Amino acid sequence: METVTLHPQNREQLNAIKAFAKALKVPFGPSTKAEQTEREKGIDLYGIEMVKTVEEAEQDIKNGNTTRVKREDLKSFLGL
């Protein structure tokens, strides 16, 4: 069977998820840090929105959506 990891954003969501799992008689419990993926660790540290932003930026880089700036043009590029 497949394992699904949920990331409740508040106590109310956590309680609802636990109640749902109990109603379906699905075993559950907290994961240990060793069981977490790098993405899950990032979510714990920085929050889901920050992780999504970084993932989108990484995808942009892979797709070639980047801007190269020469060192001598850096100040004007940054508006300094």
Protein backbone atom coordinates (compact mmCIF):
# COMPACT_ATOMS: atom_id res chain seq x y z
CA MET A 1 0.00 0.00 0.00
CA GLU A 2 1.05 3.60 -0.55
CA THR A 3 1.93 6.01 2.25
CA VAL A 4 0.41 9.48 2.17
CA THR A 5 1.91 12.37 4.11
CA LEU A 6 -0.38 15.23 5.09
CA HIS A 7 0.73 18.65 6.31
CA PRO A 8 -2.00 20.21 8.44
CA GLN A 9 -1.51 23.92 8.95
CA ASN A 10 -3.25 24.15 12.31
CA ARG A 11 -4.54 22.08 15.22
CA GLU A 12 -8.11 22.02 13.83
CA GLN A 13 -6.94 20.40 10.58
CA LEU A 14 -4.80 17.90 12.48
CA ASN A 15 -7.75 16.87 14.67
CA ALA A 16 -10.00 16.48 11.62
CA ILE A 17 -7.42 14.28 9.88
CA LYS A 18 -7.01 12.13 12.97
CA ALA A 19 -10.80 11.73 13.33
CA PHE A 20 -11.10 10.77 9.66
CA ALA A 21 -8.33 8.17 9.95
CA LYS A 22 -9.89 6.72 13.11
CA ALA A 23 -13.32 6.51 11.44
CA LEU A 24 -11.81 4.55 8.55
CA LYS A 25 -9.72 2.45 10.95
CA VAL A 26 -6.53 3.56 9.19
CA PRO A 27 -3.46 3.26 11.41
CA PHE A 28 -1.53 6.51 11.78
CA GLY A 29 1.08 8.16 13.92
CA PRO A 30 3.69 10.90 13.84
CA SER A 31 6.66 10.37 11.58
CA THR A 32 10.17 10.59 12.90
CA LYS A 33 12.73 12.96 11.39
CA ALA A 34 14.54 9.95 9.92
CA GLU A 35 11.39 8.98 7.98
CA GLN A 36 10.87 12.45 6.51
CA THR A 37 11.91 13.34 2.99
CA GLU A 38 13.99 16.45 2.32
CA ARG A 39 10.83 18.20 1.12
CA GLU A 40 8.99 17.35 4.34
CA LYS A 41 11.91 18.61 6.41
CA GLY A 42 11.83 21.83 4.40
CA ILE A 43 8.10 22.21 5.03
CA ASP A 44 8.66 21.74 8.75
CA LEU A 45 11.40 24.37 8.77
CA TYR A 46 10.09 26.98 6.33
CA GLY A 47 6.41 26.26 5.67
CA ILE A 48 4.65 24.94 2.59
CA GLU A 49 4.44 28.29 0.78
CA MET A 50 8.21 28.83 0.90
CA VAL A 51 8.89 25.28 -0.27
CA LYS A 52 6.46 25.73 -3.19
CA THR A 53 8.15 29.02 -4.14
CA VAL A 54 11.58 27.36 -4.17
CA GLU A 55 10.27 24.40 -6.19
CA GLU A 56 8.76 26.77 -8.76
CA ALA A 57 12.06 28.67 -8.99
CA GLU A 58 13.97 25.41 -9.47
CA GLN A 59 11.57 24.42 -12.25
CA ASP A 60 12.05 27.83 -13.92
CA ILE A 61 15.81 27.27 -13.87
CA LYS A 62 15.41 23.81 -15.42
CA ASN A 63 13.18 25.33 -18.12
CA GLY A 64 15.77 28.00 -18.88
CA ASN A 65 13.68 30.87 -17.54
CA THR A 66 16.63 32.78 -16.12
CA THR A 67 18.30 36.15 -16.57
CA ARG A 68 22.06 36.44 -16.82
CA VAL A 69 23.65 39.65 -15.62
CA LYS A 70 27.27 40.55 -16.19
CA ARG A 71 29.21 41.57 -13.11
CA GLU A 72 29.75 45.09 -14.41
CA ASP A 73 25.96 45.48 -14.96
CA LEU A 74 24.92 44.11 -11.57
CA LYS A 75 24.49 47.47 -9.78
CA SER A 76 22.28 48.92 -12.50
CA PHE A 77 20.30 45.65 -12.70
CA LEU A 78 19.61 45.90 -8.95
CA GLY A 79 18.83 49.60 -9.19
CA LEU A 80 21.76 50.66 -7.02
